[in-house]
Amino acid sequence: MFLGLLLIAGATGFLLGLFLLRVPIVALGSVVLVLLGAFVALLAQWGLLGSVVFIVALIGTLQGTYLIGVIVSSAWTRAKAPNAILRSSHIDQCRT
């Protein structure tokens, strides 16, 4: 269950970054993860240190994969941009 939550946090962060959703959405996701992590830690009857480490790992996973998603999305945007410039300059040359 704990590894599953880390995987879900990672996938969610990557998708949020990939679609370039803004920081308030990631902050809201972090708040949800804190609450969910605290609930899971209470169910597992962990101590304070174990709970804090797990919650920090969840938030770090979400925010780290968000940044990876933003980088991948920016790379795709930049990879597509030269093709658009080449096409527009080719069209301009054909018109003259």
PDB file of N, CA and C in Angstrom:
ATOM      1  N   MET A   1       0.827  -1.196   0.000  1.00  0.00           N
ATOM      2  CA  MET A   1       0.000   0.000   0.000  1.00  0.00           C
ATOM      3  C   MET A   1       0.872   1.262   0.000  1.00  0.00           C
ATOM      4  N   PHE A   2       1.988   1.213   0.738  1.00  0.00           N
ATOM      5  CA  PHE A   2       2.841   2.390   0.834  1.00  0.00           C
ATOM      6  C   PHE A   2       3.559   2.652  -0.482  1.00  0.00           C
ATOM      7  N   LEU A   3       4.051   1.593  -1.105  1.00  0.00           N
ATOM      8  CA  LEU A   3       4.691   1.741  -2.410  1.00  0.00           C
ATOM      9  C   LEU A   3       3.676   2.192  -3.452  1.00  0.00           C
ATOM     10  N   GLY A   4       2.458   1.698  -3.341  1.00  0.00           N
ATOM     11  CA  GLY A   4       1.391   2.116  -4.252  1.00  0.00           C
ATOM     12  C   GLY A   4       1.112   3.603  -4.159  1.00  0.00           C
ATOM     13  N   LEU A   5       1.106   4.127  -2.937  1.00  0.00           N
ATOM     14  CA  LEU A   5       0.889   5.574  -2.764  1.00  0.00           C
ATOM     15  C   LEU A   5       2.030   6.379  -3.367  1.00  0.00           C
ATOM     16  N   LEU A   6       3.258   5.888  -3.226  1.00  0.00           N
ATOM     17  CA  LEU A   6       4.393   6.583  -3.851  1.00  0.00           C
ATOM     18  C   LEU A   6       4.280   6.559  -5.372  1.00  0.00           C
ATOM     19  N   LEU A   7       3.856   5.424  -5.928  1.00  0.00           N
ATOM     20  CA  LEU A   7       3.688   5.340  -7.384  1.00  0.00           C
ATOM     21  C   LEU A   7       2.570   6.253  -7.865  1.00  0.00           C
ATOM     22  N   ILE A   8       1.481   6.304  -7.123  1.00  0.00           N
ATOM     23  CA  ILE A   8       0.372   7.192  -7.497  1.00  0.00           C
ATOM     24  C   ILE A   8       0.807   8.655  -7.415  1.00  0.00           C
ATOM     25  N   ALA A   9       1.555   9.009  -6.367  1.00  0.00           N
ATOM     26  CA  ALA A   9       2.046  10.383  -6.233  1.00  0.00           C
ATOM     27  C   ALA A   9       2.977  10.726  -7.393  1.00  0.00           C
ATOM     28  N   GLY A  10       3.837   9.787  -7.781  1.00  0.00           N
ATOM     29  CA  GLY A  10       4.754  10.028  -8.892  1.00  0.00           C
ATOM     30  C   GLY A  10       4.033  10.189 -10.218  1.00  0.00           C
ATOM     31  N   ALA A  11       3.086   9.313 -10.483  1.00  0.00           N
ATOM     32  CA  ALA A  11       2.333   9.402 -11.740  1.00  0.00           C
ATOM     33  C   ALA A  11       1.512  10.683 -11.797  1.00  0.00           C
ATOM     34  N   THR A  12       0.912  11.050 -10.681  1.00  0.00           N
ATOM     35  CA  THR A  12       0.116  12.277 -10.638  1.00  0.00           C
ATOM     36  C   THR A  12       0.999  13.506 -10.869  1.00  0.00           C
ATOM     37  N   GLY A  13       2.140  13.549 -10.225  1.00  0.00           N
ATOM     38  CA  GLY A  13       3.052  14.678 -10.409  1.00  0.00           C
ATOM     39  C   GLY A  13       3.528  14.793 -11.840  1.00  0.00           C
ATOM     40  N   PHE A  14       3.863  13.656 -12.459  1.00  0.00           N
ATOM     41  CA  PHE A  14       4.324  13.683 -13.847  1.00  0.00           C
ATOM     42  C   PHE A  14       3.225  14.190 -14.779  1.00  0.00           C
ATOM     43  N   LEU A  15       2.005  13.714 -14.587  1.00  0.00           N
ATOM     44  CA  LEU A  15       0.904  14.157 -15.449  1.00  0.00           C
ATOM     45  C   LEU A  15       0.584  15.637 -15.243  1.00  0.00           C
ATOM     46  N   LEU A  16       0.642  16.099 -14.004  1.00  0.00           N
ATOM     47  CA  LEU A  16       0.415  17.532 -13.762  1.00  0.00           C
ATOM     48  C   LEU A  16       1.478  18.369 -14.454  1.00  0.00           C
ATOM     49  N   GLY A  17       2.709  17.938 -14.396  1.00  0.00           N
ATOM     50  CA  GLY A  17       3.788  18.668 -15.063  1.00  0.00           C
ATOM     51  C   GLY A  17       3.696  18.580 -16.571  1.00  0.00           C
ATOM     52  N   LEU A  18       3.286  17.419 -17.075  1.00  0.00           N
ATOM     53  CA  LEU A  18       3.193  17.215 -18.518  1.00  0.00           C
ATOM     54  C   LEU A  18       2.152  18.133 -19.140  1.00  0.00           C
ATOM     55  N   PHE A  19       1.067  18.343 -18.436  1.00  0.00           N
ATOM     56  CA  PHE A  19       0.013  19.214 -18.951  1.00  0.00           C
ATOM     57  C   PHE A  19       0.194  20.657 -18.509  1.00  0.00           C
ATOM     58  N   LEU A  20       1.364  20.953 -17.926  1.00  0.00           N
ATOM     59  CA  LEU A  20       1.744  22.313 -17.522  1.00  0.00           C
ATOM     60  C   LEU A  20       0.692  22.978 -16.638  1.00  0.00           C
ATOM     61  N   LEU A  21       0.126  22.199 -15.720  1.00  0.00           N
ATOM     62  CA  LEU A  21      -0.783  22.798 -14.756  1.00  0.00           C
ATOM     63  C   LEU A  21       0.031  23.605 -13.756  1.00  0.00           C
ATOM     64  N   ARG A  22      -0.535  24.619 -13.251  1.00  0.00           N
ATOM     65  CA  ARG A  22       0.205  25.594 -12.461  1.00  0.00           C
ATOM     66  C   ARG A  22       0.483  25.121 -11.040  1.00  0.00           C
ATOM     67  N   VAL A  23       1.297  25.876 -10.372  1.00  0.00           N
ATOM     68  CA  VAL A  23       1.794  25.539  -9.041  1.00  0.00           C
ATOM     69  C   VAL A  23       0.675  25.397  -7.997  1.00  0.00           C
ATOM     70  N   PRO A  24      -0.398  26.211  -8.029  1.00  0.00           N
ATOM     71  CA  PRO A  24      -1.448  26.008  -7.018  1.00  0.00           C
ATOM     72  C   PRO A  24      -2.059  24.604  -7.056  1.00  0.00           C
ATOM     73  N   ILE A  25      -2.127  23.997  -8.229  1.00  0.00           N
ATOM     74  CA  ILE A  25      -2.650  22.639  -8.322  1.00  0.00           C
ATOM     75  C   ILE A  25      -1.694  21.670  -7.624  1.00  0.00           C
ATOM     76  N   VAL A  26      -0.395  21.874  -7.787  1.00  0.00           N
ATOM     77  CA  VAL A  26       0.591  21.020  -7.125  1.00  0.00           C
ATOM     78  C   VAL A  26       0.546  21.248  -5.616  1.00  0.00           C
ATOM     79  N   ALA A  27       0.350  22.480  -5.187  1.00  0.00           N
ATOM     80  CA  ALA A  27       0.228  22.766  -3.759  1.00  0.00           C
ATOM     81  C   ALA A  27      -1.005  22.076  -3.179  1.00  0.00           C
ATOM     82  N   LEU A  28      -2.101  22.102  -3.903  1.00  0.00           N
ATOM     83  CA  LEU A  28      -3.310  21.408  -3.461  1.00  0.00           C
ATOM     84  C   LEU A  28      -3.066  19.897  -3.394  1.00  0.00           C
ATOM     85  N   GLY A  29      -2.380  19.373  -4.386  1.00  0.00           N
ATOM     86  CA  GLY A  29      -2.031  17.950  -4.369  1.00  0.00           C
ATOM     87  C   GLY A  29      -1.146  17.604  -3.186  1.00  0.00           C
ATOM     88  N   SER A  30      -0.252  18.504  -2.822  1.00  0.00           N
ATOM     89  CA  SER A  30       0.609  18.279  -1.657  1.00  0.00           C
ATOM     90  C   SER A  30      -0.200  18.238  -0.365  1.00  0.00           C
ATOM     91  N   VAL A  31      -1.174  19.124  -0.256  1.00  0.00           N
ATOM     92  CA  VAL A  31      -2.038  19.132   0.932  1.00  0.00           C
ATOM     93  C   VAL A  31      -2.825  17.828   1.018  1.00  0.00           C
ATOM     94  N   VAL A  32      -3.349  17.379  -0.120  1.00  0.00           N
ATOM     95  CA  VAL A  32      -4.087  16.112  -0.147  1.00  0.00           C
ATOM     96  C   VAL A  32      -3.177  14.957   0.260  1.00  0.00           C
ATOM     97  N   LEU A  33      -1.936  14.973  -0.215  1.00  0.00           N
ATOM     98  CA  LEU A  33      -1.000  13.913   0.145  1.00  0.00           C
ATOM     99  C   LEU A  33      -0.638  13.941   1.621  1.00  0.00           C
ATOM    100  N   VAL A  34      -0.518  15.123   2.211  1.00  0.00           N
ATOM    101  CA  VAL A  34      -0.244  15.208   3.644  1.00  0.00           C
ATOM    102  C   VAL A  34      -1.384  14.570   4.429  1.00  0.00           C
ATOM    103  N   LEU A  35      -2.609  14.901   4.063  1.00  0.00           N
ATOM    104  CA  LEU A  35      -3.761  14.328   4.761  1.00  0.00           C
ATOM    105  C   LEU A  35      -3.848  12.818   4.549  1.00  0.00           C
ATOM    106  N   LEU A  36      -3.642  12.381   3.313  1.00  0.00           N
ATOM    107  CA  LEU A  36      -3.693  10.946   3.010  1.00  0.00           C
ATOM    108  C   LEU A  36      -2.558  10.200   3.701  1.00  0.00           C
ATOM    109  N   GLY A  37      -1.377  10.778   3.687  1.00  0.00           N
ATOM    110  CA  GLY A  37      -0.237  10.153   4.356  1.00  0.00           C
ATOM    111  C   GLY A  37      -0.438  10.063   5.863  1.00  0.00           C
ATOM    112  N   ALA A  38      -1.012  11.101   6.462  1.00  0.00           N
ATOM    113  CA  ALA A  38      -1.292  11.072   7.898  1.00  0.00           C
ATOM    114  C   ALA A  38      -2.334   9.995   8.220  1.00  0.00           C
ATOM    115  N   PHE A  39      -3.326   9.865   7.364  1.00  0.00           N
ATOM    116  CA  PHE A  39      -4.356   8.842   7.577  1.00  0.00           C
ATOM    117  C   PHE A  39      -3.763   7.441   7.496  1.00  0.00           C
ATOM    118  N   VAL A  40      -2.928   7.208   6.490  1.00  0.00           N
ATOM    119  CA  VAL A  40      -2.288   5.903   6.329  1.00  0.00           C
ATOM    120  C   VAL A  40      -1.355   5.618   7.499  1.00  0.00           C
ATOM    121  N   ALA A  41      -0.619   6.632   7.950  1.00  0.00           N
ATOM    122  CA  ALA A  41       0.291   6.447   9.077  1.00  0.00           C
ATOM    123  C   ALA A  41      -0.474   6.122  10.361  1.00  0.00           C
ATOM    124  N   LEU A  42      -1.633   6.726  10.519  1.00  0.00           N
ATOM    125  CA  LEU A  42      -2.459   6.396  11.686  1.00  0.00           C
ATOM    126  C   LEU A  42      -2.976   4.966  11.610  1.00  0.00           C
ATOM    127  N   LEU A  43      -3.404   4.559  10.414  1.00  0.00           N
ATOM    128  CA  LEU A  43      -3.880   3.178  10.249  1.00  0.00           C
ATOM    129  C   LEU A  43      -2.763   2.166  10.503  1.00  0.00           C
ATOM    130  N   ALA A  44      -1.549   2.498  10.056  1.00  0.00           N
ATOM    131  CA  ALA A  44      -0.415   1.590  10.230  1.00  0.00           C
ATOM    132  C   ALA A  44       0.194   1.698  11.632  1.00  0.00           C
ATOM    133  N   GLN A  45      -0.276   2.656  12.426  1.00  0.00           N
ATOM    134  CA  GLN A  45       0.199   2.897  13.785  1.00  0.00           C
ATOM    135  C   GLN A  45       1.709   3.128  13.829  1.00  0.00           C
ATOM    136  N   TRP A  46       2.173   3.984  12.925  1.00  0.00           N
ATOM    137  CA  TRP A  46       3.583   4.348  12.903  1.00  0.00           C
ATOM    138  C   TRP A  46       3.849   5.380  13.981  1.00  0.00           C
ATOM    139  N   GLY A  47       5.108   5.531  14.299  1.00  0.00           N
ATOM    140  CA  GLY A  47       5.518   6.596  15.204  1.00  0.00           C
ATOM    141  C   GLY A  47       5.575   7.917  14.453  1.00  0.00           C
ATOM    142  N   LEU A  48       5.889   8.960  15.176  1.00  0.00           N
ATOM    143  CA  LEU A  48       5.931  10.298  14.584  1.00  0.00           C
ATOM    144  C   LEU A  48       7.002  10.403  13.500  1.00  0.00           C
ATOM    145  N   LEU A  49       8.192   9.883  13.778  1.00  0.00           N
ATOM    146  CA  LEU A  49       9.285   9.977  12.812  1.00  0.00           C
ATOM    147  C   LEU A  49       8.955   9.219  11.519  1.00  0.00           C
ATOM    148  N   GLY A  50       8.440   8.019  11.636  1.00  0.00           N
ATOM    149  CA  GLY A  50       8.074   7.244  10.448  1.00  0.00           C
ATOM    150  C   GLY A  50       6.993   7.929   9.628  1.00  0.00           C
ATOM    151  N   SER A  51       6.031   8.536  10.309  1.00  0.00           N
ATOM    152  CA  SER A  51       4.956   9.252   9.617  1.00  0.00           C
ATOM    153  C   SER A  51       5.495  10.454   8.859  1.00  0.00           C
ATOM    154  N   VAL A  52       6.359  11.218   9.516  1.00  0.00           N
ATOM    155  CA  VAL A  52       6.919  12.420   8.880  1.00  0.00           C
ATOM    156  C   VAL A  52       7.773  12.039   7.681  1.00  0.00           C
ATOM    157  N   VAL A  53       8.582  11.011   7.817  1.00  0.00           N
ATOM    158  CA  VAL A  53       9.427  10.570   6.695  1.00  0.00           C
ATOM    159  C   VAL A  53       8.566  10.122   5.522  1.00  0.00           C
ATOM    160  N   PHE A  54       7.501   9.388   5.788  1.00  0.00           N
ATOM    161  CA  PHE A  54       6.621   8.920   4.714  1.00  0.00           C
ATOM    162  C   PHE A  54       5.926  10.086   4.016  1.00  0.00           C
ATOM    163  N   ILE A  55       5.444  11.047   4.779  1.00  0.00           N
ATOM    164  CA  ILE A  55       4.756  12.197   4.193  1.00  0.00           C
ATOM    165  C   ILE A  55       5.719  13.041   3.365  1.00  0.00           C
ATOM    166  N   VAL A  56       6.940  13.241   3.864  1.00  0.00           N
ATOM    167  CA  VAL A  56       7.940  14.002   3.108  1.00  0.00           C
ATOM    168  C   VAL A  56       8.306  13.252   1.817  1.00  0.00           C
ATOM    169  N   ALA A  57       8.371  11.927   1.883  1.00  0.00           N
ATOM    170  CA  ALA A  57       8.654  11.140   0.679  1.00  0.00           C
ATOM    171  C   ALA A  57       7.528  11.283  -0.341  1.00  0.00           C
ATOM    172  N   LEU A  58       6.295  11.284   0.122  1.00  0.00           N
ATOM    173  CA  LEU A  58       5.164  11.475  -0.798  1.00  0.00           C
ATOM    174  C   LEU A  58       5.222  12.841  -1.477  1.00  0.00           C
ATOM    175  N   ILE A  59       5.439  13.884  -0.690  1.00  0.00           N
ATOM    176  CA  ILE A  59       5.482  15.237  -1.250  1.00  0.00           C
ATOM    177  C   ILE A  59       6.682  15.401  -2.185  1.00  0.00           C
ATOM    178  N   GLY A  60       7.820  14.864  -1.786  1.00  0.00           N
ATOM    179  CA  GLY A  60       9.006  14.942  -2.646  1.00  0.00           C
ATOM    180  C   GLY A  60       8.813  14.216  -3.960  1.00  0.00           C
ATOM    181  N   THR A  61       8.141  13.072  -3.905  1.00  0.00           N
ATOM    182  CA  THR A  61       7.856  12.324  -5.132  1.00  0.00           C
ATOM    183  C   THR A  61       6.926  13.112  -6.042  1.00  0.00           C
ATOM    184  N   LEU A  62       5.876  13.673  -5.479  1.00  0.00           N
ATOM    185  CA  LEU A  62       4.931  14.462  -6.279  1.00  0.00           C
ATOM    186  C   LEU A  62       5.623  15.647  -6.936  1.00  0.00           C
ATOM    187  N   GLN A  63       6.370  16.410  -6.170  1.00  0.00           N
ATOM    188  CA  GLN A  63       6.961  17.627  -6.703  1.00  0.00           C
ATOM    189  C   GLN A  63       8.135  17.338  -7.635  1.00  0.00           C
ATOM    190  N   GLY A  64       8.899  16.291  -7.337  1.00  0.00           N
ATOM    191  CA  GLY A  64      10.001  15.912  -8.220  1.00  0.00           C
ATOM    192  C   GLY A  64       9.520  15.446  -9.577  1.00  0.00           C
ATOM    193  N   THR A  65       8.497  14.612  -9.574  1.00  0.00           N
ATOM    194  CA  THR A  65       7.977  14.136 -10.859  1.00  0.00           C
ATOM    195  C   THR A  65       7.207  15.233 -11.589  1.00  0.00           C
ATOM    196  N   TYR A  66       6.669  16.211 -10.850  1.00  0.00           N
ATOM    197  CA  TYR A  66       6.064  17.375 -11.501  1.00  0.00           C
ATOM    198  C   TYR A  66       7.122  18.125 -12.321  1.00  0.00           C
ATOM    199  N   LEU A  67       8.284  18.324 -11.716  1.00  0.00           N
ATOM    200  CA  LEU A  67       9.365  19.017 -12.430  1.00  0.00           C
ATOM    201  C   LEU A  67       9.827  18.211 -13.644  1.00  0.00           C
ATOM    202  N   ILE A  68       9.900  16.899 -13.519  1.00  0.00           N
ATOM    203  CA  ILE A  68      10.274  16.061 -14.662  1.00  0.00           C
ATOM    204  C   ILE A  68       9.234  16.195 -15.771  1.00  0.00           C
ATOM    205  N   GLY A  69       7.955  16.215 -15.408  1.00  0.00           N
ATOM    206  CA  GLY A  69       6.897  16.403 -16.405  1.00  0.00           C
ATOM    207  C   GLY A  69       6.981  17.743 -17.104  1.00  0.00           C
ATOM    208  N   VAL A  70       7.305  18.799 -16.365  1.00  0.00           N
ATOM    209  CA  VAL A  70       7.460  20.126 -16.969  1.00  0.00           C
ATOM    210  C   VAL A  70       8.633  20.129 -17.945  1.00  0.00           C
ATOM    211  N   ILE A  71       9.737  19.481 -17.569  1.00  0.00           N
ATOM    212  CA  ILE A  71      10.909  19.426 -18.446  1.00  0.00           C
ATOM    213  C   ILE A  71      10.587  18.656 -19.724  1.00  0.00           C
ATOM    214  N   VAL A  72       9.901  17.524 -19.591  1.00  0.00           N
ATOM    215  CA  VAL A  72       9.542  16.735 -20.778  1.00  0.00           C
ATOM    216  C   VAL A  72       8.589  17.528 -21.669  1.00  0.00           C
ATOM    217  N   SER A  73       7.623  18.200 -21.067  1.00  0.00           N
ATOM    218  CA  SER A  73       6.673  18.989 -21.850  1.00  0.00           C
ATOM    219  C   SER A  73       7.375  20.129 -22.578  1.00  0.00           C
ATOM    220  N   SER A  74       8.310  20.782 -21.907  1.00  0.00           N
ATOM    221  CA  SER A  74       9.055  21.869 -22.551  1.00  0.00           C
ATOM    222  C   SER A  74       9.928  21.340 -23.685  1.00  0.00           C
ATOM    223  N   ALA A  75      10.509  20.168 -23.490  1.00  0.00           N
ATOM    224  CA  ALA A  75      11.337  19.576 -24.544  1.00  0.00           C
ATOM    225  C   ALA A  75      10.491  19.255 -25.766  1.00  0.00           C
ATOM    226  N   TRP A  76       9.280  18.739 -25.552  1.00  0.00           N
ATOM    227  CA  TRP A  76       8.408  18.447 -26.689  1.00  0.00           C
ATOM    228  C   TRP A  76       8.004  19.724 -27.408  1.00  0.00           C
ATOM    229  N   THR A  77       7.724  20.784 -26.649  1.00  0.00           N
ATOM    230  CA  THR A  77       7.336  22.053 -27.249  1.00  0.00           C
ATOM    231  C   THR A  77       8.476  22.621 -28.081  1.00  0.00           C
ATOM    232  N   ARG A  78       9.687  22.544 -27.555  1.00  0.00           N
ATOM    233  CA  ARG A  78      10.841  23.054 -28.304  1.00  0.00           C
ATOM    234  C   ARG A  78      11.145  22.202 -29.523  1.00  0.00           C
ATOM    235  N   ALA A  79      10.908  20.910 -29.431  1.00  0.00           N
ATOM    236  CA  ALA A  79      11.168  20.031 -30.570  1.00  0.00           C
ATOM    237  C   ALA A  79      10.189  20.311 -31.699  1.00  0.00           C
ATOM    238  N   LYS A  80       8.981  20.716 -31.359  1.00  0.00           N
ATOM    239  CA  LYS A  80       7.972  21.008 -32.379  1.00  0.00           C
ATOM    240  C   LYS A  80       8.143  22.402 -32.976  1.00  0.00           C
ATOM    241  N   ALA A  81       8.709  23.324 -32.234  1.00  0.00           N
ATOM    242  CA  ALA A  81       8.812  24.713 -32.675  1.00  0.00           C
ATOM    243  C   ALA A  81       9.627  24.895 -33.955  1.00  0.00           C
ATOM    244  N   PRO A  82      10.799  24.281 -34.140  1.00  0.00           N
ATOM    245  CA  PRO A  82      11.539  24.501 -35.384  1.00  0.00           C
ATOM    246  C   PRO A  82      10.771  24.032 -36.619  1.00  0.00           C
ATOM    247  N   ASN A  83      10.004  22.979 -36.492  1.00  0.00           N
ATOM    248  CA  ASN A  83       9.207  22.521 -37.624  1.00  0.00           C
ATOM    249  C   ASN A  83       8.171  23.562 -38.023  1.00  0.00           C
ATOM    250  N   ALA A  84       7.564  24.203 -37.050  1.00  0.00           N
ATOM    251  CA  ALA A  84       6.579  25.241 -37.349  1.00  0.00           C
ATOM    252  C   ALA A  84       7.247  26.432 -38.020  1.00  0.00           C
ATOM    253  N   ILE A  85       8.449  26.789 -37.560  1.00  0.00           N
ATOM    254  CA  ILE A  85       9.167  27.909 -38.169  1.00  0.00           C
ATOM    255  C   ILE A  85       9.568  27.565 -39.592  1.00  0.00           C
ATOM    256  N   LEU A  86      10.054  26.349 -39.798  1.00  0.00           N
ATOM    257  CA  LEU A  86      10.441  25.948 -41.148  1.00  0.00           C
ATOM    258  C   LEU A  86       9.245  25.937 -42.085  1.00  0.00           C
ATOM    259  N   ARG A  87       8.118  25.443 -41.607  1.00  0.00           N
ATOM    260  CA  ARG A  87       6.925  25.412 -42.458  1.00  0.00           C
ATOM    261  C   ARG A  87       6.470  26.817 -42.814  1.00  0.00           C
ATOM    262  N   SER A  88       6.481  27.745 -41.849  1.00  0.00           N
ATOM    263  CA  SER A  88       6.016  29.096 -42.140  1.00  0.00           C
ATOM    264  C   SER A  88       6.979  29.807 -43.097  1.00  0.00           C
ATOM    265  N   SER A  89       8.283  29.575 -42.958  1.00  0.00           N
ATOM    266  CA  SER A  89       9.220  30.216 -43.879  1.00  0.00           C
ATOM    267  C   SER A  89       9.112  29.597 -45.278  1.00  0.00           C
ATOM    268  N   HIS A  90       8.800  28.314 -45.345  1.00  0.00           N
ATOM    269  CA  HIS A  90       8.611  27.671 -46.644  1.00  0.00           C
ATOM    270  C   HIS A  90       7.363  28.216 -47.327  1.00  0.00           C
ATOM    271  N   ILE A  91       6.330  28.448 -46.561  1.00  0.00           N
ATOM    272  CA  ILE A  91       5.098  29.013 -47.119  1.00  0.00           C
ATOM    273  C   ILE A  91       5.360  30.435 -47.610  1.00  0.00           C
ATOM    274  N   ASP A  92       6.124  31.223 -46.847  1.00  0.00           N
ATOM    275  CA  ASP A  92       6.441  32.583 -47.247  1.00  0.00           C
ATOM    276  C   ASP A  92       7.265  32.580 -48.561  1.00  0.00           C
ATOM    277  N   GLN A  93       8.172  31.635 -48.724  1.00  0.00           N
ATOM    278  CA  GLN A  93       8.963  31.549 -49.937  1.00  0.00           C
ATOM    279  C   GLN A  93       8.100  31.158 -51.132  1.00  0.00           C
ATOM    280  N   CYS A  94       7.125  30.331 -50.902  1.00  0.00           N
ATOM    281  CA  CYS A  94       6.246  29.915 -51.993  1.00  0.00           C
ATOM    282  C   CYS A  94       5.341  31.047 -52.446  1.00  0.00           C
ATOM    283  N   ARG A  95       5.010  31.952 -51.555  1.00  0.00           N
ATOM    284  CA  ARG A  95       4.117  33.059 -51.897  1.00  0.00           C
ATOM    285  C   ARG A  95       4.831  34.110 -52.744  1.00  0.00           C
ATOM    286  N   THR A  96       6.129  34.217 -52.625  1.00  0.00           N
ATOM    287  CA  THR A  96       6.844  35.273 -53.366  1.00  0.00           C
ATOM    288  C   THR A  96       7.221  34.830 -54.741  1.00  0.00           C
TER     289      THR A  96
END
